[in-house]
């Protein structure tokens, strides 16, 4: 991108100085020759301000290697989610796909244990800047609920998450959603229970400005609010 700096204009001021006639007994021609011509002052050099320092280039970011590999090889992809912090740093990457072989066996076994008789419907390969890689198995349970379990590659459970009816959100959560997105329509709500016992709710909202994603703790504390930006990402094929 070409950058144009504001034009800097300079003004050269020429001063005319009047001198009284010089009394001389010399002939006019000699008198004129004896008087040295007045030299004009050298033009002032305009001071050019230094351009402002360029802002720092954004930190480089890259897709997680395993996410990139799965994105190129999975038989079907649904979406790739990338979350950034206020400084633009990537804090989460999540690839939604349909390749069971890309999910470690311990994670798939954990999903079967958590939801006996359930049917896997989709998978996620995730990478968090703070904690590293994780995997999710989404299932349709026997009662017909949409749930998922997340774990490390070794099968260590991180959390369980299920869709919930937006009309039965806990009052503190519903109040926070109304406060941060007044008049918005709830598209989807999920209830997450972490291995630590902590709980939170994730709500997708439709607003006049587009889709918004909100995370709220069970006590109504707002964790984060994000605008969903439609995007296209192209990955190289082998």
Foldseek 3Di string as FASTA:
>chain_A
DDDDDDDDDDDWDWDDDDDDDDDDPDPPVVVVVVDDDDDTDDTDDDDDDDDDDDDDDQDDDDDDPLLLVCVQDAPFWDDWDWDADPSRHTFKIKTKGADPVSAAPLQVVLVCVVAPPWAFDIKMWMAGPVPGIKIKTWTQHPVGWIKMWMDHNNNHTFKIKTWDDVVPQPPLQVVLCCVVAPPWAWPTKMWIQTPVRWIKMWTWTQDPVGIKIWIAGSNNHTDDIGHDDDDDDDHDHD
